[in-house]
């Protein structure tokens, strides 16, 4: 086993933080909480953690079954990340969460697909092509803890940042994601 590399852990944590965009999701989380009456922060966080770890560990095997290589998936992922970044920067919505509410709001649509959705899963496989698995796992755990803290304190955060602050955060992380998408695309294509 290789030693943990702090720089990799920091990079992975920041990339996942940007793609998960839990701060940008605060308005959606508030809306879900108002509709459902309550969000189970612990349940949502555990589901997010399990989904991300399972996909990190066996996602490439699933790709093998359907005949795809990690580089091709990483390129596809970079395009998804690019679109998500453009949504954040331009304030448009191409991906819309399912509006059907039930007792499972903490899992669907909150944990999946809002937090650990296609963009996150694609990013995990893309990261696997560039970083050590153990460093990615640490990044996943750090982000899950952050997701839990945000879910637990969403009302307080809404007051703290205000609408303008949340919009600024979304735009800033959109620019970071755009750069990440371009880097992933360039590193997985041999042009």
N, C-alpha and C. Protein backbone atom coordinates (compact mmCIF):
# COMPACT_ATOMS: atom_id res chain seq x y z
N UNK A 1 0.85 -1.19 0.00
CA UNK A 1 0.00 0.00 0.00
C UNK A 1 0.88 1.24 0.00
N UNK A 2 0.52 2.19 -0.84
CA UNK A 2 1.29 3.43 -0.95
C UNK A 2 0.91 4.36 0.18
N UNK A 3 1.84 5.25 0.58
CA UNK A 3 1.49 6.22 1.63
C UNK A 3 0.46 7.23 1.10
N UNK A 4 -0.28 7.80 2.04
CA UNK A 4 -1.23 8.84 1.66
C UNK A 4 -0.46 10.06 1.16
N UNK A 5 -0.97 10.70 0.14
CA UNK A 5 -0.33 11.89 -0.40
C UNK A 5 -1.28 13.06 -0.14
N UNK A 6 -0.86 13.96 0.76
CA UNK A 6 -1.72 15.06 1.18
C UNK A 6 -2.20 15.90 0.00
N UNK A 7 -1.29 16.19 -0.95
CA UNK A 7 -1.65 17.01 -2.11
C UNK A 7 -2.76 16.34 -2.92
N UNK A 8 -2.68 15.01 -3.09
CA UNK A 8 -3.73 14.27 -3.82
C UNK A 8 -5.04 14.32 -3.05
N UNK A 9 -4.97 14.10 -1.74
CA UNK A 9 -6.19 14.13 -0.91
C UNK A 9 -6.85 15.50 -1.02
N UNK A 10 -6.04 16.56 -0.95
CA UNK A 10 -6.58 17.92 -1.06
C UNK A 10 -7.21 18.15 -2.44
N UNK A 11 -6.52 17.72 -3.50
CA UNK A 11 -7.06 17.88 -4.86
C UNK A 11 -8.37 17.13 -5.03
N UNK A 12 -8.38 15.86 -4.62
CA UNK A 12 -9.58 15.03 -4.74
C UNK A 12 -10.73 15.64 -3.93
N UNK A 13 -10.43 16.07 -2.72
CA UNK A 13 -11.46 16.66 -1.85
C UNK A 13 -12.07 17.89 -2.51
N UNK A 14 -11.22 18.75 -3.07
CA UNK A 14 -11.72 19.98 -3.71
C UNK A 14 -12.52 19.66 -4.98
N UNK A 15 -12.04 18.69 -5.77
CA UNK A 15 -12.77 18.31 -6.99
C UNK A 15 -14.15 17.77 -6.63
N UNK A 16 -14.19 16.84 -5.67
CA UNK A 16 -15.48 16.27 -5.26
C UNK A 16 -16.37 17.33 -4.63
N UNK A 17 -15.78 18.22 -3.85
CA UNK A 17 -16.55 19.30 -3.23
C UNK A 17 -17.22 20.15 -4.31
N UNK A 18 -16.46 20.46 -5.36
CA UNK A 18 -17.01 21.27 -6.45
C UNK A 18 -18.10 20.53 -7.21
N UNK A 19 -17.89 19.24 -7.51
CA UNK A 19 -18.87 18.50 -8.31
C UNK A 19 -20.12 18.17 -7.50
N UNK A 20 -19.96 17.83 -6.22
CA UNK A 20 -21.12 17.55 -5.37
C UNK A 20 -21.92 18.84 -5.18
N UNK A 21 -21.22 19.96 -5.03
CA UNK A 21 -21.83 21.29 -4.92
C UNK A 21 -22.94 21.32 -3.87
N UNK A 22 -22.62 20.84 -2.68
CA UNK A 22 -23.62 20.79 -1.62
C UNK A 22 -24.06 22.19 -1.21
N UNK A 23 -23.16 23.17 -1.27
CA UNK A 23 -23.55 24.55 -0.94
C UNK A 23 -24.50 25.10 -1.99
N UNK A 24 -24.22 24.80 -3.25
CA UNK A 24 -25.10 25.24 -4.33
C UNK A 24 -26.46 24.56 -4.29
N UNK A 25 -26.49 23.38 -3.65
CA UNK A 25 -27.75 22.63 -3.56
C UNK A 25 -28.61 23.07 -2.38
N UNK A 26 -28.10 23.99 -1.55
CA UNK A 26 -28.86 24.43 -0.37
C UNK A 26 -30.28 24.89 -0.72
N UNK A 27 -30.47 25.71 -1.77
CA UNK A 27 -31.86 26.10 -2.09
C UNK A 27 -32.76 24.90 -2.40
N UNK A 28 -32.23 23.90 -3.11
CA UNK A 28 -33.01 22.69 -3.42
C UNK A 28 -33.28 21.90 -2.15
N UNK A 29 -32.26 21.79 -1.28
CA UNK A 29 -32.42 21.06 -0.02
C UNK A 29 -33.50 21.72 0.84
N UNK A 30 -33.50 23.05 0.89
CA UNK A 30 -34.51 23.78 1.66
C UNK A 30 -35.90 23.47 1.10
N UNK A 31 -36.03 23.49 -0.22
CA UNK A 31 -37.31 23.20 -0.86
C UNK A 31 -37.76 21.77 -0.54
N UNK A 32 -36.84 20.79 -0.60
CA UNK A 32 -37.18 19.40 -0.28
C UNK A 32 -37.63 19.26 1.17
N UNK A 33 -36.91 19.95 2.07
CA UNK A 33 -37.26 19.88 3.50
C UNK A 33 -38.64 20.46 3.74
N UNK A 34 -38.96 21.55 3.06
CA UNK A 34 -40.28 22.18 3.22
C UNK A 34 -41.39 21.25 2.73
N UNK A 35 -41.14 20.56 1.61
CA UNK A 35 -42.15 19.65 1.08
C UNK A 35 -42.32 18.40 1.92
N UNK A 36 -41.18 17.83 2.36
CA UNK A 36 -41.23 16.57 3.09
C UNK A 36 -41.43 16.78 4.59
N UNK A 37 -41.13 17.97 5.07
CA UNK A 37 -41.27 18.24 6.50
C UNK A 37 -40.00 17.96 7.28
N UNK A 38 -39.15 17.05 6.79
CA UNK A 38 -37.95 16.67 7.53
C UNK A 38 -36.98 15.96 6.59
N UNK A 39 -35.70 16.21 6.78
CA UNK A 39 -34.66 15.49 6.04
C UNK A 39 -33.81 14.72 7.04
N UNK A 40 -33.63 13.44 6.78
CA UNK A 40 -32.81 12.61 7.66
C UNK A 40 -31.35 12.73 7.22
N UNK A 41 -30.62 13.63 7.87
CA UNK A 41 -29.23 13.94 7.49
C UNK A 41 -28.34 12.71 7.55
N UNK A 42 -28.50 11.91 8.62
CA UNK A 42 -27.66 10.72 8.81
C UNK A 42 -27.89 9.70 7.69
N UNK A 43 -29.16 9.42 7.41
CA UNK A 43 -29.50 8.43 6.38
C UNK A 43 -28.99 8.88 5.01
N UNK A 44 -29.21 10.15 4.66
CA UNK A 44 -28.77 10.66 3.37
C UNK A 44 -27.25 10.59 3.25
N UNK A 45 -26.53 10.94 4.31
CA UNK A 45 -25.07 10.93 4.29
C UNK A 45 -24.51 9.52 4.16
N UNK A 46 -25.09 8.56 4.85
CA UNK A 46 -24.64 7.16 4.77
C UNK A 46 -24.86 6.62 3.36
N UNK A 47 -26.03 6.91 2.77
CA UNK A 47 -26.31 6.46 1.41
C UNK A 47 -25.32 7.07 0.42
N UNK A 48 -25.02 8.36 0.57
CA UNK A 48 -24.04 9.03 -0.30
C UNK A 48 -22.68 8.36 -0.17
N UNK A 49 -22.24 8.11 1.06
CA UNK A 49 -20.94 7.48 1.30
C UNK A 49 -20.86 6.10 0.64
N UNK A 50 -21.89 5.28 0.85
CA UNK A 50 -21.91 3.92 0.29
C UNK A 50 -21.91 3.96 -1.23
N UNK A 51 -22.76 4.80 -1.82
CA UNK A 51 -22.83 4.91 -3.28
C UNK A 51 -21.48 5.29 -3.88
N UNK A 52 -20.82 6.29 -3.29
CA UNK A 52 -19.55 6.75 -3.84
C UNK A 52 -18.45 5.70 -3.69
N UNK A 53 -18.38 5.05 -2.53
CA UNK A 53 -17.33 4.04 -2.33
C UNK A 53 -17.54 2.84 -3.24
N UNK A 54 -18.78 2.35 -3.33
CA UNK A 54 -19.07 1.20 -4.19
C UNK A 54 -18.73 1.53 -5.64
N UNK A 55 -19.12 2.71 -6.09
CA UNK A 55 -18.85 3.06 -7.49
C UNK A 55 -17.35 3.23 -7.73
N UNK A 56 -16.65 3.80 -6.75
CA UNK A 56 -15.20 3.94 -6.89
C UNK A 56 -14.54 2.58 -7.02
N UNK A 57 -14.97 1.61 -6.20
CA UNK A 57 -14.31 0.30 -6.16
C UNK A 57 -14.72 -0.63 -7.29
N UNK A 58 -15.98 -0.59 -7.73
CA UNK A 58 -16.43 -1.54 -8.76
C UNK A 58 -16.95 -0.87 -10.03
N UNK A 59 -16.93 0.45 -10.08
CA UNK A 59 -17.43 1.15 -11.27
C UNK A 59 -16.69 0.76 -12.53
N UNK A 60 -15.34 0.61 -12.42
CA UNK A 60 -14.57 0.23 -13.61
C UNK A 60 -14.87 -1.20 -14.05
N UNK A 61 -15.19 -2.07 -13.08
CA UNK A 61 -15.57 -3.46 -13.43
C UNK A 61 -16.91 -3.47 -14.17
N UNK A 62 -17.81 -2.59 -13.73
CA UNK A 62 -19.09 -2.45 -14.43
C UNK A 62 -18.85 -1.97 -15.86
N UNK A 63 -17.90 -1.07 -16.02
CA UNK A 63 -17.57 -0.59 -17.36
C UNK A 63 -17.01 -1.71 -18.23
N UNK A 64 -16.17 -2.57 -17.62
CA UNK A 64 -15.62 -3.72 -18.36
C UNK A 64 -16.73 -4.61 -18.89
N UNK A 65 -17.74 -4.82 -18.06
CA UNK A 65 -18.86 -5.69 -18.45
C UNK A 65 -19.55 -5.15 -19.70
N UNK A 66 -19.68 -3.81 -19.78
CA UNK A 66 -20.34 -3.23 -20.95
C UNK A 66 -19.35 -2.80 -22.04
N UNK A 67 -18.07 -3.14 -21.85
CA UNK A 67 -17.07 -2.93 -22.89
C UNK A 67 -16.52 -1.53 -23.03
N UNK A 68 -16.43 -0.78 -21.94
CA UNK A 68 -15.86 0.56 -21.98
C UNK A 68 -14.57 0.61 -21.17
N UNK A 69 -13.63 1.46 -21.57
CA UNK A 69 -12.41 1.65 -20.77
C UNK A 69 -12.56 2.92 -19.93
N UNK A 70 -11.73 3.03 -18.89
CA UNK A 70 -11.83 4.16 -17.96
C UNK A 70 -11.56 5.49 -18.67
N UNK A 71 -10.62 5.51 -19.62
CA UNK A 71 -10.32 6.76 -20.34
C UNK A 71 -11.55 7.27 -21.10
N UNK A 72 -12.26 6.37 -21.77
CA UNK A 72 -13.48 6.78 -22.49
C UNK A 72 -14.53 7.31 -21.53
N UNK A 73 -14.68 6.62 -20.39
CA UNK A 73 -15.65 7.06 -19.39
C UNK A 73 -15.22 8.40 -18.80
N UNK A 74 -13.89 8.58 -18.61
CA UNK A 74 -13.37 9.83 -18.07
C UNK A 74 -13.66 10.99 -19.02
N UNK A 75 -13.51 10.74 -20.33
CA UNK A 75 -13.82 11.77 -21.33
C UNK A 75 -15.30 12.11 -21.29
N UNK A 76 -16.14 11.08 -21.24
CA UNK A 76 -17.59 11.31 -21.13
C UNK A 76 -17.89 12.09 -19.84
N UNK A 77 -17.22 11.69 -18.77
CA UNK A 77 -17.39 12.38 -17.48
C UNK A 77 -16.97 13.83 -17.56
N UNK A 78 -15.87 14.11 -18.29
CA UNK A 78 -15.42 15.49 -18.41
C UNK A 78 -16.47 16.34 -19.12
N UNK A 79 -17.19 15.74 -20.08
CA UNK A 79 -18.25 16.46 -20.78
C UNK A 79 -19.44 16.73 -19.86
N UNK A 80 -19.78 15.74 -19.00
CA UNK A 80 -20.86 15.94 -18.02
C UNK A 80 -20.47 17.04 -17.04
N UNK A 81 -19.22 16.99 -16.56
CA UNK A 81 -18.72 18.01 -15.62
C UNK A 81 -18.75 19.38 -16.29
N UNK A 82 -18.37 19.43 -17.57
CA UNK A 82 -18.39 20.68 -18.33
C UNK A 82 -19.80 21.27 -18.35
N UNK A 83 -20.79 20.43 -18.61
CA UNK A 83 -22.19 20.89 -18.67
C UNK A 83 -22.65 21.38 -17.31
N UNK A 84 -22.30 20.63 -16.25
CA UNK A 84 -22.68 21.04 -14.89
C UNK A 84 -22.03 22.39 -14.56
N UNK A 85 -20.76 22.55 -14.95
CA UNK A 85 -20.06 23.82 -14.71
C UNK A 85 -20.75 24.96 -15.44
N UNK A 86 -21.15 24.72 -16.68
CA UNK A 86 -21.84 25.76 -17.44
C UNK A 86 -23.18 26.12 -16.79
N UNK A 87 -23.87 25.12 -16.24
CA UNK A 87 -25.11 25.39 -15.51
C UNK A 87 -24.84 26.34 -14.35
N UNK A 88 -23.77 26.04 -13.60
CA UNK A 88 -23.45 26.84 -12.42
C UNK A 88 -23.06 28.26 -12.80
N UNK A 89 -22.26 28.39 -13.85
CA UNK A 89 -21.77 29.71 -14.27
C UNK A 89 -22.89 30.54 -14.89
N UNK A 90 -23.68 29.94 -15.76
CA UNK A 90 -24.71 30.68 -16.50
C UNK A 90 -26.06 30.74 -15.79
N UNK A 91 -26.22 29.93 -14.72
CA UNK A 91 -27.48 29.95 -13.98
C UNK A 91 -28.62 29.29 -14.72
N UNK A 92 -28.29 28.32 -15.58
CA UNK A 92 -29.34 27.57 -16.30
C UNK A 92 -29.46 26.18 -15.70
N UNK A 93 -30.57 25.50 -15.97
CA UNK A 93 -30.78 24.15 -15.43
C UNK A 93 -31.10 23.19 -16.55
N UNK A 94 -30.13 22.35 -16.87
CA UNK A 94 -30.35 21.30 -17.86
C UNK A 94 -30.75 20.00 -17.18
N UNK A 95 -30.11 19.72 -16.02
CA UNK A 95 -30.43 18.52 -15.24
C UNK A 95 -31.43 18.92 -14.17
N UNK A 96 -32.58 18.28 -14.16
CA UNK A 96 -33.60 18.62 -13.17
C UNK A 96 -33.86 17.43 -12.26
N UNK A 97 -33.88 17.66 -10.92
CA UNK A 97 -34.20 16.56 -10.01
C UNK A 97 -35.64 16.11 -10.17
N UNK A 98 -35.90 14.85 -9.88
CA UNK A 98 -37.24 14.28 -9.95
C UNK A 98 -38.13 15.00 -8.94
N UNK A 99 -39.29 15.43 -9.37
CA UNK A 99 -40.19 16.19 -8.50
C UNK A 99 -41.08 15.30 -7.64
N UNK A 100 -41.10 13.99 -7.90
CA UNK A 100 -41.97 13.08 -7.16
C UNK A 100 -41.48 12.92 -5.72
N UNK A 101 -42.28 13.37 -4.75
CA UNK A 101 -41.89 13.30 -3.34
C UNK A 101 -42.59 12.14 -2.65
N UNK A 102 -41.86 11.47 -1.80
CA UNK A 102 -42.40 10.37 -1.01
C UNK A 102 -41.69 10.39 0.33
N UNK A 103 -41.85 9.32 1.09
CA UNK A 103 -41.18 9.23 2.39
C UNK A 103 -39.68 9.04 2.24
N UNK A 104 -39.22 8.79 1.04
CA UNK A 104 -37.80 8.52 0.81
C UNK A 104 -37.03 9.75 0.36
N UNK A 105 -37.53 10.95 0.66
CA UNK A 105 -36.90 12.17 0.17
C UNK A 105 -35.42 12.27 0.57
N UNK A 106 -35.04 11.70 1.72
CA UNK A 106 -33.64 11.76 2.15
C UNK A 106 -32.73 10.94 1.26
N UNK A 107 -33.29 9.92 0.60
CA UNK A 107 -32.50 9.08 -0.29
C UNK A 107 -32.71 9.51 -1.74
N UNK A 108 -33.97 9.53 -2.19
CA UNK A 108 -34.29 9.96 -3.54
C UNK A 108 -35.25 11.14 -3.43
N UNK A 109 -34.93 12.29 -3.94
CA UNK A 109 -33.83 12.66 -4.83
C UNK A 109 -32.62 13.26 -4.15
N UNK A 110 -32.59 13.34 -2.79
CA UNK A 110 -31.50 14.05 -2.13
C UNK A 110 -30.15 13.35 -2.26
N UNK A 111 -30.02 12.14 -1.67
CA UNK A 111 -28.73 11.43 -1.73
C UNK A 111 -28.38 11.07 -3.17
N UNK A 112 -29.38 10.55 -3.88
CA UNK A 112 -29.21 10.20 -5.29
C UNK A 112 -30.46 10.66 -6.03
N UNK A 113 -30.36 11.46 -7.05
CA UNK A 113 -29.18 11.88 -7.80
C UNK A 113 -28.63 13.25 -7.44
N UNK A 114 -29.24 13.99 -6.47
CA UNK A 114 -28.80 15.36 -6.22
C UNK A 114 -27.36 15.44 -5.73
N UNK A 115 -27.00 14.64 -4.72
CA UNK A 115 -25.65 14.72 -4.15
C UNK A 115 -24.70 13.74 -4.86
N UNK A 116 -25.05 12.46 -4.86
CA UNK A 116 -24.20 11.44 -5.50
C UNK A 116 -24.85 11.01 -6.81
N UNK A 117 -24.87 11.92 -7.75
CA UNK A 117 -25.50 11.64 -9.03
C UNK A 117 -24.51 11.23 -10.11
N UNK A 118 -24.95 11.34 -11.34
CA UNK A 118 -24.12 10.92 -12.48
C UNK A 118 -22.81 11.69 -12.54
N UNK A 119 -22.86 12.98 -12.27
CA UNK A 119 -21.63 13.78 -12.30
C UNK A 119 -20.62 13.32 -11.28
N UNK A 120 -21.10 13.02 -10.07
CA UNK A 120 -20.21 12.55 -9.01
C UNK A 120 -19.62 11.19 -9.36
N UNK A 121 -20.45 10.28 -9.84
CA UNK A 121 -19.98 8.93 -10.17
C UNK A 121 -18.96 8.97 -11.31
N UNK A 122 -19.25 9.77 -12.31
CA UNK A 122 -18.34 9.91 -13.44
C UNK A 122 -17.01 10.51 -12.97
N UNK A 123 -17.11 11.51 -12.10
CA UNK A 123 -15.91 12.14 -11.56
C UNK A 123 -15.06 11.14 -10.79
N UNK A 124 -15.69 10.27 -10.01
CA UNK A 124 -14.94 9.27 -9.24
C UNK A 124 -14.10 8.39 -10.15
N UNK A 125 -14.69 7.93 -11.25
CA UNK A 125 -13.93 7.08 -12.17
C UNK A 125 -12.85 7.88 -12.87
N UNK A 126 -13.15 9.13 -13.18
CA UNK A 126 -12.14 9.98 -13.80
C UNK A 126 -10.97 10.20 -12.84
N UNK A 127 -11.28 10.43 -11.57
CA UNK A 127 -10.24 10.62 -10.56
C UNK A 127 -9.39 9.36 -10.41
N UNK A 128 -10.04 8.20 -10.52
CA UNK A 128 -9.34 6.92 -10.36
C UNK A 128 -8.25 6.75 -11.42
N UNK A 129 -8.42 7.42 -12.56
CA UNK A 129 -7.41 7.31 -13.60
C UNK A 129 -6.19 8.20 -13.31
N UNK A 130 -6.29 9.07 -12.28
CA UNK A 130 -5.19 10.00 -11.99
C UNK A 130 -4.68 9.98 -10.55
N UNK A 131 -5.47 9.46 -9.62
CA UNK A 131 -5.09 9.51 -8.21
C UNK A 131 -5.15 8.11 -7.59
N UNK A 132 -4.46 7.94 -6.44
CA UNK A 132 -4.49 6.67 -5.72
C UNK A 132 -5.86 6.47 -5.08
N UNK A 133 -6.33 5.23 -5.09
CA UNK A 133 -7.66 4.91 -4.55
C UNK A 133 -7.79 5.33 -3.09
N UNK A 134 -6.76 5.08 -2.28
CA UNK A 134 -6.87 5.43 -0.85
C UNK A 134 -7.01 6.94 -0.65
N UNK A 135 -6.37 7.74 -1.50
CA UNK A 135 -6.51 9.19 -1.38
C UNK A 135 -7.91 9.63 -1.79
N UNK A 136 -8.47 8.96 -2.79
CA UNK A 136 -9.85 9.25 -3.21
C UNK A 136 -10.82 8.89 -2.09
N UNK A 137 -10.59 7.74 -1.44
CA UNK A 137 -11.45 7.33 -0.32
C UNK A 137 -11.46 8.37 0.79
N UNK A 138 -10.29 8.91 1.12
CA UNK A 138 -10.22 9.96 2.15
C UNK A 138 -11.01 11.18 1.69
N UNK A 139 -10.87 11.55 0.41
CA UNK A 139 -11.63 12.68 -0.14
C UNK A 139 -13.13 12.44 -0.06
N UNK A 140 -13.55 11.19 -0.32
CA UNK A 140 -14.98 10.82 -0.23
C UNK A 140 -15.48 10.99 1.21
N UNK A 141 -14.71 10.49 2.18
CA UNK A 141 -15.12 10.58 3.58
C UNK A 141 -15.20 12.04 4.02
N UNK A 142 -14.20 12.85 3.66
CA UNK A 142 -14.21 14.28 4.02
C UNK A 142 -15.45 14.97 3.43
N UNK A 143 -15.74 14.68 2.17
CA UNK A 143 -16.91 15.30 1.53
C UNK A 143 -18.21 14.82 2.14
N UNK A 144 -18.29 13.54 2.51
CA UNK A 144 -19.50 13.02 3.13
C UNK A 144 -19.74 13.70 4.48
N UNK A 145 -18.66 13.92 5.24
CA UNK A 145 -18.79 14.63 6.51
C UNK A 145 -19.28 16.06 6.27
N UNK A 146 -18.77 16.68 5.23
CA UNK A 146 -19.21 18.04 4.90
C UNK A 146 -20.68 18.05 4.49
N UNK A 147 -21.07 17.06 3.68
CA UNK A 147 -22.48 16.93 3.26
C UNK A 147 -23.37 16.80 4.50
N UNK A 148 -22.95 15.95 5.44
CA UNK A 148 -23.72 15.75 6.67
C UNK A 148 -23.87 17.07 7.44
N UNK A 149 -22.75 17.80 7.58
CA UNK A 149 -22.80 19.08 8.31
C UNK A 149 -23.73 20.08 7.64
N UNK A 150 -23.69 20.13 6.31
CA UNK A 150 -24.57 21.05 5.58
C UNK A 150 -26.03 20.65 5.76
N UNK A 151 -26.32 19.35 5.59
CA UNK A 151 -27.70 18.88 5.74
C UNK A 151 -28.22 19.15 7.15
N UNK A 152 -27.37 18.98 8.13
CA UNK A 152 -27.76 19.17 9.53
C UNK A 152 -28.00 20.65 9.85
N UNK A 153 -27.28 21.54 9.15
CA UNK A 153 -27.32 22.97 9.47
C UNK A 153 -27.82 23.84 8.32
N UNK A 154 -28.67 23.29 7.46
CA UNK A 154 -29.07 23.99 6.24
C UNK A 154 -29.79 25.31 6.52
N UNK A 155 -30.60 25.36 7.55
CA UNK A 155 -31.32 26.61 7.86
C UNK A 155 -30.35 27.70 8.30
N UNK A 156 -29.39 27.34 9.12
CA UNK A 156 -28.41 28.29 9.61
C UNK A 156 -27.54 28.80 8.46
N UNK A 157 -27.13 27.90 7.55
CA UNK A 157 -26.30 28.28 6.40
C UNK A 157 -27.04 29.22 5.45
N UNK A 158 -28.33 28.97 5.29
CA UNK A 158 -29.13 29.83 4.42
C UNK A 158 -29.10 31.26 4.93
N UNK A 159 -29.24 31.44 6.23
CA UNK A 159 -29.19 32.77 6.83
C UNK A 159 -27.78 33.37 6.74
N UNK A 160 -26.76 32.54 6.96
CA UNK A 160 -25.38 33.00 6.97
C UNK A 160 -24.93 33.54 5.60
N UNK A 161 -25.13 32.75 4.54
CA UNK A 161 -24.67 33.14 3.21
C UNK A 161 -25.60 34.13 2.52
N UNK A 162 -26.88 33.96 2.74
CA UNK A 162 -27.84 34.77 2.01
C UNK A 162 -27.89 34.33 0.56
N UNK A 163 -28.86 34.83 -0.16
CA UNK A 163 -29.04 34.43 -1.56
C UNK A 163 -27.84 34.83 -2.41
N UNK A 164 -27.32 36.04 -2.20
CA UNK A 164 -26.19 36.52 -2.98
C UNK A 164 -24.94 35.68 -2.72
N UNK A 165 -24.67 35.36 -1.47
CA UNK A 165 -23.50 34.55 -1.12
C UNK A 165 -23.54 33.17 -1.75
N UNK A 166 -24.71 32.55 -1.75
CA UNK A 166 -24.86 31.22 -2.35
C UNK A 166 -24.64 31.31 -3.86
N UNK A 167 -25.16 32.35 -4.49
CA UNK A 167 -24.94 32.54 -5.93
C UNK A 167 -23.47 32.74 -6.27
N UNK A 168 -22.75 33.50 -5.44
CA UNK A 168 -21.31 33.72 -5.66
C UNK A 168 -20.56 32.39 -5.54
N UNK A 169 -20.90 31.58 -4.52
CA UNK A 169 -20.25 30.27 -4.35
C UNK A 169 -20.48 29.38 -5.57
N UNK A 170 -21.70 29.36 -6.07
CA UNK A 170 -22.01 28.54 -7.26
C UNK A 170 -21.17 28.96 -8.45
N UNK A 171 -21.06 30.25 -8.68
CA UNK A 171 -20.29 30.75 -9.83
C UNK A 171 -18.81 30.41 -9.67
N UNK A 172 -18.26 30.61 -8.48
CA UNK A 172 -16.84 30.33 -8.23
C UNK A 172 -16.55 28.85 -8.45
N UNK A 173 -17.39 27.96 -7.91
CA UNK A 173 -17.16 26.53 -8.10
C UNK A 173 -17.45 26.11 -9.54
N UNK A 174 -18.29 26.85 -10.24
CA UNK A 174 -18.52 26.58 -11.65
C UNK A 174 -17.26 26.78 -12.48
N UNK A 175 -16.52 27.85 -12.20
CA UNK A 175 -15.27 28.13 -12.90
C UNK A 175 -14.25 27.03 -12.60
N UNK A 176 -14.16 26.62 -11.33
CA UNK A 176 -13.24 25.54 -10.94
C UNK A 176 -13.60 24.25 -11.67
N UNK A 177 -14.88 23.93 -11.71
CA UNK A 177 -15.32 22.71 -12.40
C UNK A 177 -15.01 22.77 -13.89
N UNK A 178 -15.17 23.92 -14.49
CA UNK A 178 -14.88 24.08 -15.91
C UNK A 178 -13.41 23.75 -16.19
N UNK A 179 -12.53 24.26 -15.35
CA UNK A 179 -11.09 23.98 -15.51
C UNK A 179 -10.81 22.49 -15.29
N UNK A 180 -11.49 21.87 -14.32
CA UNK A 180 -11.32 20.44 -14.06
C UNK A 180 -11.77 19.63 -15.26
N UNK A 181 -12.91 20.00 -15.85
CA UNK A 181 -13.44 19.28 -17.01
C UNK A 181 -12.44 19.32 -18.17
N UNK A 182 -11.87 20.48 -18.39
CA UNK A 182 -10.90 20.62 -19.49
C UNK A 182 -9.65 19.80 -19.20
N UNK A 183 -9.18 19.82 -17.95
CA UNK A 183 -8.00 19.04 -17.57
C UNK A 183 -8.26 17.54 -17.77
N UNK A 184 -9.41 17.05 -17.31
CA UNK A 184 -9.75 15.64 -17.46
C UNK A 184 -9.83 15.24 -18.93
N UNK A 185 -10.43 16.10 -19.73
CA UNK A 185 -10.55 15.82 -21.16
C UNK A 185 -9.16 15.73 -21.80
N UNK A 186 -8.31 16.73 -21.52
CA UNK A 186 -6.97 16.76 -22.12
C UNK A 186 -6.12 15.59 -21.66
N UNK A 187 -6.21 15.21 -20.39
CA UNK A 187 -5.34 14.12 -19.89
C UNK A 187 -5.80 12.73 -20.34
N UNK A 188 -7.02 12.62 -20.82
CA UNK A 188 -7.52 11.31 -21.27
C UNK A 188 -7.65 11.20 -22.78
N UNK A 189 -7.27 12.27 -23.49
CA UNK A 189 -7.22 12.20 -24.95
C UNK A 189 -5.76 12.33 -25.36
N UNK A 190 -5.41 11.69 -26.42
CA UNK A 190 -4.02 11.69 -26.86
C UNK A 190 -3.90 12.50 -28.14
N UNK A 191 -4.16 13.82 -28.00
CA UNK A 191 -4.14 14.71 -29.16
C UNK A 191 -2.77 15.34 -29.33
